[in-house]
């Protein structure tokens, strides 16, 4: 039997490890929950806007 760890972000936050983002994170086998930390939803939205601008040249 294998056990999977699921991380849930508190309301108004998004979990990130600096590369992946989500409000629910299903950890891969061997991944540590310590590698994820919460950021405010507004910070996540700013990151997404910046990445969209960088990727699409807007």
N, C-alpha and C. Protein backbone atom coordinates (compact mmCIF):
# COMPACT_ATOMS: atom_id res chain seq x y z
N UNK A 1 0.85 -1.17 0.00
CA UNK A 1 0.00 0.00 0.00
C UNK A 1 0.89 1.24 0.00
N UNK A 2 0.50 2.24 -0.78
CA UNK A 2 1.20 3.51 -0.82
C UNK A 2 0.31 4.58 -0.20
N UNK A 3 0.95 5.55 0.40
CA UNK A 3 0.23 6.66 1.02
C UNK A 3 0.58 7.93 0.25
N UNK A 4 -0.44 8.69 -0.13
CA UNK A 4 -0.24 9.97 -0.82
C UNK A 4 -0.56 11.09 0.15
N UNK A 5 0.25 12.13 0.10
CA UNK A 5 0.01 13.30 0.92
C UNK A 5 -0.63 14.37 0.06
N UNK A 6 -1.69 14.98 0.58
CA UNK A 6 -2.39 16.05 -0.12
C UNK A 6 -2.29 17.30 0.74
N UNK A 7 -1.85 18.40 0.12
CA UNK A 7 -1.77 19.69 0.81
C UNK A 7 -2.92 20.57 0.35
N UNK A 8 -3.57 21.23 1.28
CA UNK A 8 -4.67 22.15 0.97
C UNK A 8 -4.28 23.55 1.43
N UNK A 9 -4.41 24.51 0.54
CA UNK A 9 -4.12 25.91 0.88
C UNK A 9 -5.26 26.48 1.70
N UNK A 10 -4.91 27.36 2.61
CA UNK A 10 -5.94 28.10 3.36
C UNK A 10 -6.65 29.05 2.40
N UNK A 11 -7.85 29.47 2.77
CA UNK A 11 -8.61 30.39 1.94
C UNK A 11 -7.81 31.67 1.70
N UNK A 12 -7.78 32.10 0.45
CA UNK A 12 -7.07 33.33 0.09
C UNK A 12 -5.59 33.14 -0.17
N UNK A 13 -5.12 31.88 -0.15
CA UNK A 13 -3.71 31.61 -0.42
C UNK A 13 -3.56 30.55 -1.50
N UNK A 14 -2.35 30.48 -2.06
CA UNK A 14 -1.99 29.47 -3.05
C UNK A 14 -0.68 28.86 -2.57
N UNK A 15 -0.55 27.55 -2.70
CA UNK A 15 0.68 26.88 -2.32
C UNK A 15 1.65 26.86 -3.49
N UNK A 16 2.95 27.03 -3.21
CA UNK A 16 3.95 27.00 -4.26
C UNK A 16 5.26 26.45 -3.74
N UNK A 17 6.00 25.87 -4.66
CA UNK A 17 7.37 25.46 -4.37
C UNK A 17 8.33 26.30 -5.22
N UNK A 18 7.81 27.37 -5.81
CA UNK A 18 8.60 28.25 -6.66
C UNK A 18 8.46 27.91 -8.14
N UNK A 19 7.94 26.74 -8.44
CA UNK A 19 7.73 26.32 -9.83
C UNK A 19 6.27 25.92 -10.08
N UNK A 20 5.69 25.20 -9.15
CA UNK A 20 4.31 24.74 -9.26
C UNK A 20 3.44 25.51 -8.28
N UNK A 21 2.18 25.74 -8.68
CA UNK A 21 1.24 26.49 -7.86
C UNK A 21 -0.08 25.74 -7.80
N UNK A 22 -0.78 25.84 -6.68
CA UNK A 22 -2.10 25.24 -6.60
C UNK A 22 -2.73 25.43 -5.24
N UNK A 23 -4.04 25.27 -5.19
CA UNK A 23 -4.74 25.32 -3.91
C UNK A 23 -4.85 23.93 -3.31
N UNK A 24 -4.69 22.91 -4.16
CA UNK A 24 -4.62 21.52 -3.72
C UNK A 24 -3.41 20.91 -4.40
N UNK A 25 -2.49 20.36 -3.61
CA UNK A 25 -1.27 19.76 -4.14
C UNK A 25 -1.23 18.29 -3.75
N UNK A 26 -1.20 17.40 -4.73
CA UNK A 26 -0.99 15.98 -4.50
C UNK A 26 0.51 15.74 -4.65
N UNK A 27 1.18 15.47 -3.55
CA UNK A 27 2.62 15.32 -3.60
C UNK A 27 3.02 14.04 -4.32
N UNK A 28 4.04 14.16 -5.16
CA UNK A 28 4.59 12.99 -5.84
C UNK A 28 5.31 12.13 -4.81
N UNK A 29 5.47 10.88 -5.13
CA UNK A 29 6.19 9.97 -4.24
C UNK A 29 7.60 10.52 -3.99
N UNK A 30 7.96 10.63 -2.73
CA UNK A 30 9.27 11.14 -2.36
C UNK A 30 9.36 12.65 -2.21
N UNK A 31 8.31 13.38 -2.62
CA UNK A 31 8.31 14.85 -2.49
C UNK A 31 8.02 15.24 -1.04
N UNK A 32 8.61 16.34 -0.61
CA UNK A 32 8.44 16.79 0.76
C UNK A 32 7.42 17.92 0.84
N UNK A 33 6.52 17.86 1.80
CA UNK A 33 5.58 18.97 1.98
C UNK A 33 6.29 20.25 2.42
N UNK A 34 7.49 20.12 2.96
CA UNK A 34 8.26 21.29 3.40
C UNK A 34 8.72 22.15 2.23
N UNK A 35 8.67 21.60 1.02
CA UNK A 35 9.11 22.38 -0.15
C UNK A 35 8.03 23.36 -0.62
N UNK A 36 6.82 23.28 -0.07
CA UNK A 36 5.72 24.17 -0.44
C UNK A 36 5.45 25.18 0.67
N UNK A 37 5.12 26.39 0.26
CA UNK A 37 4.74 27.42 1.22
C UNK A 37 3.58 28.23 0.63
N UNK A 38 2.79 28.85 1.50
CA UNK A 38 1.65 29.63 1.01
C UNK A 38 2.06 31.05 0.61
N UNK A 39 1.41 31.55 -0.43
CA UNK A 39 1.53 32.95 -0.83
C UNK A 39 0.11 33.50 -0.97
N UNK A 40 -0.06 34.80 -0.80
CA UNK A 40 -1.41 35.38 -0.97
C UNK A 40 -1.91 35.21 -2.41
N UNK A 41 -3.20 35.05 -2.56
CA UNK A 41 -3.83 34.92 -3.89
C UNK A 41 -3.45 36.09 -4.79
N UNK A 42 -3.37 37.30 -4.24
CA UNK A 42 -3.03 38.47 -5.04
C UNK A 42 -1.60 38.38 -5.58
N UNK A 43 -0.67 37.82 -4.80
CA UNK A 43 0.71 37.64 -5.27
C UNK A 43 0.74 36.63 -6.41
N UNK A 44 -0.04 35.54 -6.27
CA UNK A 44 -0.12 34.54 -7.33
C UNK A 44 -0.66 35.17 -8.62
N UNK A 45 -1.70 35.97 -8.52
CA UNK A 45 -2.27 36.62 -9.70
C UNK A 45 -1.26 37.55 -10.36
N UNK A 46 -0.46 38.27 -9.56
CA UNK A 46 0.57 39.15 -10.11
C UNK A 46 1.64 38.33 -10.85
N UNK A 47 2.01 37.19 -10.31
CA UNK A 47 3.00 36.32 -10.96
C UNK A 47 2.45 35.82 -12.29
N UNK A 48 1.18 35.42 -12.31
CA UNK A 48 0.57 34.91 -13.53
C UNK A 48 0.49 36.01 -14.60
N UNK A 49 0.16 37.22 -14.19
CA UNK A 49 0.10 38.35 -15.12
C UNK A 49 1.48 38.63 -15.70
N UNK A 50 2.48 38.61 -14.84
CA UNK A 50 3.85 38.87 -15.30
C UNK A 50 4.32 37.78 -16.27
N UNK A 51 4.04 36.52 -15.96
CA UNK A 51 4.44 35.43 -16.84
C UNK A 51 3.72 35.50 -18.18
N UNK A 52 2.44 35.87 -18.17
CA UNK A 52 1.69 35.99 -19.41
C UNK A 52 2.26 37.12 -20.26
N UNK A 53 2.62 38.20 -19.61
CA UNK A 53 3.21 39.34 -20.33
C UNK A 53 4.56 38.96 -20.93
N UNK A 54 5.37 38.26 -20.16
CA UNK A 54 6.70 37.84 -20.62
C UNK A 54 6.57 36.83 -21.76
N UNK A 55 5.68 35.87 -21.61
CA UNK A 55 5.54 34.82 -22.63
C UNK A 55 4.92 35.32 -23.93
N UNK A 56 3.98 36.23 -23.82
CA UNK A 56 3.23 36.67 -25.01
C UNK A 56 3.64 38.05 -25.49
N UNK A 57 4.56 38.69 -24.80
CA UNK A 57 5.07 39.99 -25.24
C UNK A 57 4.06 41.12 -25.18
N UNK A 58 3.12 41.04 -24.27
CA UNK A 58 2.09 42.08 -24.16
C UNK A 58 2.62 43.25 -23.39
